Amino acid sequence: MAEPEARTTAKAGERPGPGRFVCIDCGREVRIGSTDEDLVRCPTCACEMYNCFPMTHIRPDIKTPEDVMHPPERKSKAE
């Protein structure tokens, strides 16, 4: 089963989480910054389908909410 971050499309009314969503009809971009926000119909053309560009972590070692609060120590490049 695919990870939630691997989704490529989302529909209006869903809560896809933070990220950028580009309307498949007109290309208008909608941004969501919270996991509590619903994806709305496209404000330009009322389309309900979007291509997803989910927010990703910059550091690959941050994988859980606990990691965000207490990030793992970075390994030195000399090792």
PDB file of N, CA and C in Angstrom:
ATOM      1  N   MET A   1       0.834  -1.184   0.000  1.00  0.00           N
ATOM      2  CA  MET A   1       0.000   0.000   0.000  1.00  0.00           C
ATOM      3  C   MET A   1       0.881   1.250   0.000  1.00  0.00           C
ATOM      4  N   ALA A   2       0.493   2.256  -0.745  1.00  0.00           N
ATOM      5  CA  ALA A   2       1.300   3.466  -0.874  1.00  0.00           C
ATOM      6  C   ALA A   2       1.219   4.311   0.390  1.00  0.00           C
ATOM      7  N   GLU A   3       2.299   5.021   0.650  1.00  0.00           N
ATOM      8  CA  GLU A   3       2.324   5.948   1.764  1.00  0.00           C
ATOM      9  C   GLU A   3       1.405   7.116   1.443  1.00  0.00           C
ATOM     10  N   PRO A   4       0.820   7.805   2.448  1.00  0.00           N
ATOM     11  CA  PRO A   4      -0.045   8.952   2.171  1.00  0.00           C
ATOM     12  C   PRO A   4       0.665  10.034   1.377  1.00  0.00           C
ATOM     13  N   GLU A   5       1.981  10.218   1.595  1.00  0.00           N
ATOM     14  CA  GLU A   5       2.718  11.242   0.872  1.00  0.00           C
ATOM     15  C   GLU A   5       2.829  10.926  -0.618  1.00  0.00           C
ATOM     16  N   ALA A   6       2.593   9.681  -1.008  1.00  0.00           N
ATOM     17  CA  ALA A   6       2.764   9.267  -2.395  1.00  0.00           C
ATOM     18  C   ALA A   6       1.535   9.570  -3.260  1.00  0.00           C
ATOM     19  N   ARG A   7       0.488  10.106  -2.668  1.00  0.00           N
ATOM     20  CA  ARG A   7      -0.720  10.418  -3.441  1.00  0.00           C
ATOM     21  C   ARG A   7      -0.403  11.419  -4.539  1.00  0.00           C
ATOM     22  N   THR A   8      -1.021  11.218  -5.679  1.00  0.00           N
ATOM     23  CA  THR A   8      -0.770  12.136  -6.781  1.00  0.00           C
ATOM     24  C   THR A   8      -1.966  13.033  -7.072  1.00  0.00           C
ATOM     25  N   THR A   9      -3.169  12.678  -6.612  1.00  0.00           N
ATOM     26  CA  THR A   9      -4.346  13.517  -6.810  1.00  0.00           C
ATOM     27  C   THR A   9      -5.157  13.595  -5.517  1.00  0.00           C
ATOM     28  N   ALA A  10      -5.947  14.649  -5.422  1.00  0.00           N
ATOM     29  CA  ALA A  10      -6.856  14.831  -4.293  1.00  0.00           C
ATOM     30  C   ALA A  10      -8.124  15.478  -4.816  1.00  0.00           C
ATOM     31  N   LYS A  11      -9.228  15.249  -4.119  1.00  0.00           N
ATOM     32  CA  LYS A  11     -10.524  15.773  -4.531  1.00  0.00           C
ATOM     33  C   LYS A  11     -11.008  16.805  -3.520  1.00  0.00           C
ATOM     34  N   ALA A  12     -11.712  17.822  -4.008  1.00  0.00           N
ATOM     35  CA  ALA A  12     -12.294  18.833  -3.133  1.00  0.00           C
ATOM     36  C   ALA A  12     -13.151  18.144  -2.078  1.00  0.00           C
ATOM     37  N   GLY A  13     -13.079  18.658  -0.855  1.00  0.00           N
ATOM     38  CA  GLY A  13     -13.819  18.080   0.262  1.00  0.00           C
ATOM     39  C   GLY A  13     -12.965  17.169   1.124  1.00  0.00           C
ATOM     40  N   GLU A  14     -11.823  16.725   0.602  1.00  0.00           N
ATOM     41  CA  GLU A  14     -10.905  15.894   1.379  1.00  0.00           C
ATOM     42  C   GLU A  14     -10.015  16.777   2.239  1.00  0.00           C
ATOM     43  N   ARG A  15      -9.371  16.148   3.206  1.00  0.00           N
ATOM     44  CA  ARG A  15      -8.358  16.818   4.026  1.00  0.00           C
ATOM     45  C   ARG A  15      -7.013  16.157   3.723  1.00  0.00           C
ATOM     46  N   PRO A  16      -6.379  16.571   2.636  1.00  0.00           N
ATOM     47  CA  PRO A  16      -5.152  15.899   2.205  1.00  0.00           C
ATOM     48  C   PRO A  16      -3.916  16.261   3.016  1.00  0.00           C
ATOM     49  N   GLY A  17      -4.007  17.268   3.873  1.00  0.00           N
ATOM     50  CA  GLY A  17      -2.854  17.696   4.655  1.00  0.00           C
ATOM     51  C   GLY A  17      -2.125  18.836   3.966  1.00  0.00           C
ATOM     52  N   PRO A  18      -1.072  19.329   4.612  1.00  0.00           N
ATOM     53  CA  PRO A  18      -0.353  20.484   4.074  1.00  0.00           C
ATOM     54  C   PRO A  18       0.307  20.197   2.730  1.00  0.00           C
ATOM     55  N   GLY A  19       0.308  21.212   1.875  1.00  0.00           N
ATOM     56  CA  GLY A  19       0.976  21.084   0.594  1.00  0.00           C
ATOM     57  C   GLY A  19       0.418  22.035  -0.442  1.00  0.00           C
ATOM     58  N   ARG A  20       0.874  21.827  -1.680  1.00  0.00           N
ATOM     59  CA  ARG A  20       0.387  22.597  -2.824  1.00  0.00           C
ATOM     60  C   ARG A  20      -0.499  21.688  -3.653  1.00  0.00           C
ATOM     61  N   PHE A  21      -1.585  22.235  -4.162  1.00  0.00           N
ATOM     62  CA  PHE A  21      -2.525  21.463  -4.968  1.00  0.00           C
ATOM     63  C   PHE A  21      -2.832  22.276  -6.214  1.00  0.00           C
ATOM     64  N   VAL A  22      -2.605  21.653  -7.383  1.00  0.00           N
ATOM     65  CA  VAL A  22      -2.769  22.349  -8.657  1.00  0.00           C
ATOM     66  C   VAL A  22      -3.970  21.762  -9.381  1.00  0.00           C
ATOM     67  N   CYS A  23      -4.924  22.643  -9.737  1.00  0.00           N
ATOM     68  CA  CYS A  23      -6.141  22.225 -10.436  1.00  0.00           C
ATOM     69  C   CYS A  23      -5.779  21.516 -11.735  1.00  0.00           C
ATOM     70  N   ILE A  24      -6.414  20.362 -11.974  1.00  0.00           N
ATOM     71  CA  ILE A  24      -6.088  19.606 -13.190  1.00  0.00           C
ATOM     72  C   ILE A  24      -6.688  20.239 -14.436  1.00  0.00           C
ATOM     73  N   ASP A  25      -7.688  21.135 -14.282  1.00  0.00           N
ATOM     74  CA  ASP A  25      -8.299  21.779 -15.449  1.00  0.00           C
ATOM     75  C   ASP A  25      -7.627  23.091 -15.842  1.00  0.00           C
ATOM     76  N   CYS A  26      -7.460  24.002 -14.863  1.00  0.00           N
ATOM     77  CA  CYS A  26      -6.954  25.334 -15.223  1.00  0.00           C
ATOM     78  C   CYS A  26      -5.552  25.626 -14.703  1.00  0.00           C
ATOM     79  N   GLY A  27      -5.026  24.800 -13.822  1.00  0.00           N
ATOM     80  CA  GLY A  27      -3.670  24.995 -13.317  1.00  0.00           C
ATOM     81  C   GLY A  27      -3.547  25.935 -12.135  1.00  0.00           C
ATOM     82  N   ARG A  28      -4.673  26.406 -11.606  1.00  0.00           N
ATOM     83  CA  ARG A  28      -4.613  27.291 -10.435  1.00  0.00           C
ATOM     84  C   ARG A  28      -4.074  26.526  -9.237  1.00  0.00           C
ATOM     85  N   GLU A  29      -3.204  27.166  -8.481  1.00  0.00           N
ATOM     86  CA  GLU A  29      -2.600  26.533  -7.309  1.00  0.00           C
ATOM     87  C   GLU A  29      -3.334  26.959  -6.045  1.00  0.00           C
ATOM     88  N   VAL A  30      -3.630  25.966  -5.209  1.00  0.00           N
ATOM     89  CA  VAL A  30      -4.222  26.202  -3.891  1.00  0.00           C
ATOM     90  C   VAL A  30      -3.231  25.642  -2.887  1.00  0.00           C
ATOM     91  N   ARG A  31      -2.974  26.399  -1.824  1.00  0.00           N
ATOM     92  CA  ARG A  31      -2.048  25.926  -0.781  1.00  0.00           C
ATOM     93  C   ARG A  31      -2.820  25.660   0.498  1.00  0.00           C
ATOM     94  N   ILE A  32      -2.446  24.575   1.159  1.00  0.00           N
ATOM     95  CA  ILE A  32      -3.023  24.224   2.451  1.00  0.00           C
ATOM     96  C   ILE A  32      -1.860  24.129   3.435  1.00  0.00           C
ATOM     97  N   GLY A  33      -2.021  24.769   4.589  1.00  0.00           N
ATOM     98  CA  GLY A  33      -0.958  24.777   5.568  1.00  0.00           C
ATOM     99  C   GLY A  33      -1.265  23.984   6.822  1.00  0.00           C
ATOM    100  N   SER A  34      -2.438  23.354   6.877  1.00  0.00           N
ATOM    101  CA  SER A  34      -2.849  22.651   8.089  1.00  0.00           C
ATOM    102  C   SER A  34      -3.490  21.318   7.742  1.00  0.00           C
ATOM    103  N   THR A  35      -3.415  20.382   8.674  1.00  0.00           N
ATOM    104  CA  THR A  35      -4.077  19.088   8.460  1.00  0.00           C
ATOM    105  C   THR A  35      -5.577  19.194   8.677  1.00  0.00           C
ATOM    106  N   ASP A  36      -6.051  20.318   9.243  1.00  0.00           N
ATOM    107  CA  ASP A  36      -7.479  20.505   9.520  1.00  0.00           C
ATOM    108  C   ASP A  36      -8.238  21.185   8.385  1.00  0.00           C
ATOM    109  N   GLU A  37      -7.538  21.666   7.364  1.00  0.00           N
ATOM    110  CA  GLU A  37      -8.197  22.382   6.275  1.00  0.00           C
ATOM    111  C   GLU A  37      -8.722  21.430   5.212  1.00  0.00           C
ATOM    112  N   ASP A  38      -9.952  21.700   4.752  1.00  0.00           N
ATOM    113  CA  ASP A  38     -10.526  20.950   3.642  1.00  0.00           C
ATOM    114  C   ASP A  38     -10.039  21.559   2.334  1.00  0.00           C
ATOM    115  N   LEU A  39      -9.844  20.717   1.340  1.00  0.00           N
ATOM    116  CA  LEU A  39      -9.514  21.183   0.000  1.00  0.00           C
ATOM    117  C   LEU A  39     -10.816  21.679  -0.631  1.00  0.00           C
ATOM    118  N   VAL A  40     -10.810  22.901  -1.133  1.00  0.00           N
ATOM    119  CA  VAL A  40     -12.016  23.500  -1.716  1.00  0.00           C
ATOM    120  C   VAL A  40     -12.026  23.312  -3.223  1.00  0.00           C
ATOM    121  N   ARG A  41     -13.198  23.504  -3.824  1.00  0.00           N
ATOM    122  CA  ARG A  41     -13.265  23.517  -5.292  1.00  0.00           C
ATOM    123  C   ARG A  41     -12.390  24.645  -5.801  1.00  0.00           C
ATOM    124  N   CYS A  42     -11.879  24.474  -6.996  1.00  0.00           N
ATOM    125  CA  CYS A  42     -11.017  25.491  -7.582  1.00  0.00           C
ATOM    126  C   CYS A  42     -11.760  26.836  -7.638  1.00  0.00           C
ATOM    127  N   PRO A  43     -11.164  27.894  -7.082  1.00  0.00           N
ATOM    128  CA  PRO A  43     -11.826  29.203  -7.101  1.00  0.00           C
ATOM    129  C   PRO A  43     -11.992  29.785  -8.505  1.00  0.00           C
ATOM    130  N   THR A  44     -11.222  29.295  -9.473  1.00  0.00           N
ATOM    131  CA  THR A  44     -11.280  29.822 -10.831  1.00  0.00           C
ATOM    132  C   THR A  44     -12.311  29.094 -11.692  1.00  0.00           C
ATOM    133  N   CYS A  45     -12.283  27.734 -11.670  1.00  0.00           N
ATOM    134  CA  CYS A  45     -13.127  26.987 -12.612  1.00  0.00           C
ATOM    135  C   CYS A  45     -14.071  25.985 -11.933  1.00  0.00           C
ATOM    136  N   ALA A  46     -14.056  25.894 -10.607  1.00  0.00           N
ATOM    137  CA  ALA A  46     -14.923  24.998  -9.825  1.00  0.00           C
ATOM    138  C   ALA A  46     -14.613  23.513 -10.011  1.00  0.00           C
ATOM    139  N   CYS A  47     -13.471  23.200 -10.597  1.00  0.00           N
ATOM    140  CA  CYS A  47     -13.043  21.804 -10.722  1.00  0.00           C
ATOM    141  C   CYS A  47     -12.818  21.237  -9.327  1.00  0.00           C
ATOM    142  N   GLU A  48     -12.991  19.934  -9.162  1.00  0.00           N
ATOM    143  CA  GLU A  48     -12.827  19.299  -7.863  1.00  0.00           C
ATOM    144  C   GLU A  48     -11.565  18.448  -7.759  1.00  0.00           C
ATOM    145  N   MET A  49     -10.793  18.294  -8.823  1.00  0.00           N
ATOM    146  CA  MET A  49      -9.609  17.432  -8.788  1.00  0.00           C
ATOM    147  C   MET A  49      -8.327  18.253  -8.882  1.00  0.00           C
ATOM    148  N   TYR A  50      -7.357  17.840  -8.071  1.00  0.00           N
ATOM    149  CA  TYR A  50      -6.074  18.527  -8.006  1.00  0.00           C
ATOM    150  C   TYR A  50      -4.933  17.524  -8.094  1.00  0.00           C
ATOM    151  N   ASN A  51      -3.821  17.962  -8.670  1.00  0.00           N
ATOM    152  CA  ASN A  51      -2.569  17.223  -8.564  1.00  0.00           C
ATOM    153  C   ASN A  51      -1.936  17.650  -7.245  1.00  0.00           C
ATOM    154  N   CYS A  52      -1.394  16.689  -6.505  1.00  0.00           N
ATOM    155  CA  CYS A  52      -0.846  16.946  -5.172  1.00  0.00           C
ATOM    156  C   CYS A  52       0.657  17.128  -5.206  1.00  0.00           C
ATOM    157  N   PHE A  53       1.105  18.080  -4.429  1.00  0.00           N
ATOM    158  CA  PHE A  53       2.524  18.295  -4.159  1.00  0.00           C
ATOM    159  C   PHE A  53       2.635  18.461  -2.651  1.00  0.00           C
ATOM    160  N   PRO A  54       2.619  17.324  -1.918  1.00  0.00           N
ATOM    161  CA  PRO A  54       2.587  17.404  -0.453  1.00  0.00           C
ATOM    162  C   PRO A  54       3.835  18.042   0.120  1.00  0.00           C
ATOM    163  N   MET A  55       3.652  18.656   1.279  1.00  0.00           N
ATOM    164  CA  MET A  55       4.779  19.227   2.005  1.00  0.00           C
ATOM    165  C   MET A  55       5.655  18.077   2.475  1.00  0.00           C
ATOM    166  N   THR A  56       6.928  18.198   2.250  1.00  0.00           N
ATOM    167  CA  THR A  56       7.840  17.133   2.665  1.00  0.00           C
ATOM    168  C   THR A  56       8.851  17.682   3.649  1.00  0.00           C
ATOM    169  N   HIS A  57       9.467  16.802   4.367  1.00  0.00           N
ATOM    170  CA  HIS A  57      10.474  17.200   5.332  1.00  0.00           C
ATOM    171  C   HIS A  57      11.781  17.473   4.622  1.00  0.00           C
ATOM    172  N   ILE A  58      12.500  18.450   5.116  1.00  0.00           N
ATOM    173  CA  ILE A  58      13.811  18.764   4.558  1.00  0.00           C
ATOM    174  C   ILE A  58      14.809  17.699   4.986  1.00  0.00           C
ATOM    175  N   ARG A  59      14.715  17.286   6.249  1.00  0.00           N
ATOM    176  CA  ARG A  59      15.644  16.278   6.766  1.00  0.00           C
ATOM    177  C   ARG A  59      15.006  14.898   6.664  1.00  0.00           C
ATOM    178  N   PRO A  60      15.641  13.951   6.022  1.00  0.00           N
ATOM    179  CA  PRO A  60      15.060  12.618   5.881  1.00  0.00           C
ATOM    180  C   PRO A  60      14.978  11.846   7.198  1.00  0.00           C
ATOM    181  N   ASP A  61      15.720  12.286   8.229  1.00  0.00           N
ATOM    182  CA  ASP A  61      15.672  11.569   9.504  1.00  0.00           C
ATOM    183  C   ASP A  61      14.535  12.048  10.410  1.00  0.00           C
ATOM    184  N   ILE A  62      13.758  13.039   9.989  1.00  0.00           N
ATOM    185  CA  ILE A  62      12.597  13.508  10.746  1.00  0.00           C
ATOM    186  C   ILE A  62      11.381  12.801  10.159  1.00  0.00           C
ATOM    187  N   LYS A  63      10.870  11.825  10.902  1.00  0.00           N
ATOM    188  CA  LYS A  63       9.780  11.004  10.374  1.00  0.00           C
ATOM    189  C   LYS A  63       8.540  10.986  11.246  1.00  0.00           C
ATOM    190  N   THR A  64       8.658  11.375  12.515  1.00  0.00           N
ATOM    191  CA  THR A  64       7.520  11.313  13.427  1.00  0.00           C
ATOM    192  C   THR A  64       7.363  12.652  14.138  1.00  0.00           C
ATOM    193  N   PRO A  65       6.194  12.900  14.729  1.00  0.00           N
ATOM    194  CA  PRO A  65       6.039  14.137  15.507  1.00  0.00           C
ATOM    195  C   PRO A  65       7.052  14.240  16.650  1.00  0.00           C
ATOM    196  N   GLU A  66       7.423  13.103  17.224  1.00  0.00           N
ATOM    197  CA  GLU A  66       8.418  13.112  18.299  1.00  0.00           C
ATOM    198  C   GLU A  66       9.777  13.572  17.783  1.00  0.00           C
ATOM    199  N   ASP A  67      10.111  13.181  16.546  1.00  0.00           N
ATOM    200  CA  ASP A  67      11.376  13.614  15.950  1.00  0.00           C
ATOM    201  C   ASP A  67      11.410  15.133  15.772  1.00  0.00           C
ATOM    202  N   VAL A  68      10.261  15.728  15.480  1.00  0.00           N
ATOM    203  CA  VAL A  68      10.194  17.174  15.301  1.00  0.00           C
ATOM    204  C   VAL A  68      10.483  17.869  16.624  1.00  0.00           C
ATOM    205  N   MET A  69       9.897  17.345  17.694  1.00  0.00           N
ATOM    206  CA  MET A  69      10.093  17.946  19.010  1.00  0.00           C
ATOM    207  C   MET A  69      11.504  17.689  19.555  1.00  0.00           C
ATOM    208  N   HIS A  70      12.069  16.537  19.241  1.00  0.00           N
ATOM    209  CA  HIS A  70      13.403  16.153  19.707  1.00  0.00           C
ATOM    210  C   HIS A  70      14.175  15.568  18.524  1.00  0.00           C
ATOM    211  N   PRO A  71      14.657  16.421  17.626  1.00  0.00           N
ATOM    212  CA  PRO A  71      15.307  15.909  16.410  1.00  0.00           C
ATOM    213  C   PRO A  71      16.542  15.080  16.720  1.00  0.00           C
ATOM    214  N   PRO A  72      16.747  14.034  15.928  1.00  0.00           N
ATOM    215  CA  PRO A  72      17.969  13.232  16.099  1.00  0.00           C
ATOM    216  C   PRO A  72      19.192  14.116  15.835  1.00  0.00           C
ATOM    217  N   GLU A  73      20.276  13.809  16.521  1.00  0.00           N
ATOM    218  CA  GLU A  73      21.497  14.569  16.296  1.00  0.00           C
ATOM    219  C   GLU A  73      22.016  14.307  14.889  1.00  0.00           C
ATOM    220  N   ARG A  74      22.508  15.353  14.275  1.00  0.00           N
ATOM    221  CA  ARG A  74      23.079  15.199  12.926  1.00  0.00           C
ATOM    222  C   ARG A  74      24.418  14.501  13.029  1.00  0.00           C
ATOM    223  N   LYS A  75      24.655  13.627  12.092  1.00  0.00           N
ATOM    224  CA  LYS A  75      25.947  12.948  12.031  1.00  0.00           C
ATOM    225  C   LYS A  75      26.933  13.865  11.311  1.00  0.00           C
ATOM    226  N   SER A  76      28.152  13.869  11.785  1.00  0.00           N
ATOM    227  CA  SER A  76      29.143  14.720  11.127  1.00  0.00           C
ATOM    228  C   SER A  76      29.530  14.081   9.800  1.00  0.00           C
ATOM    229  N   LYS A  77      29.920  14.913   8.854  1.00  0.00           N
ATOM    230  CA  LYS A  77      30.273  14.419   7.525  1.00  0.00           C
ATOM    231  C   LYS A  77      31.594  13.674   7.528  1.00  0.00           C
ATOM    232  N   ALA A  78      32.391  13.834   8.586  1.00  0.00           N
ATOM    233  CA  ALA A  78      33.679  13.155   8.679  1.00  0.00           C
ATOM    234  C   ALA A  78      33.520  11.662   8.965  1.00  0.00           C
ATOM    235  N   GLU A  79      32.362  11.270   9.502  1.00  0.00           N
ATOM    236  CA  GLU A  79      32.153   9.859   9.850  1.00  0.00           C
ATOM    237  C   GLU A  79      31.893   9.013   8.650  1.00  0.00           C
TER     238      GLU A  79
END
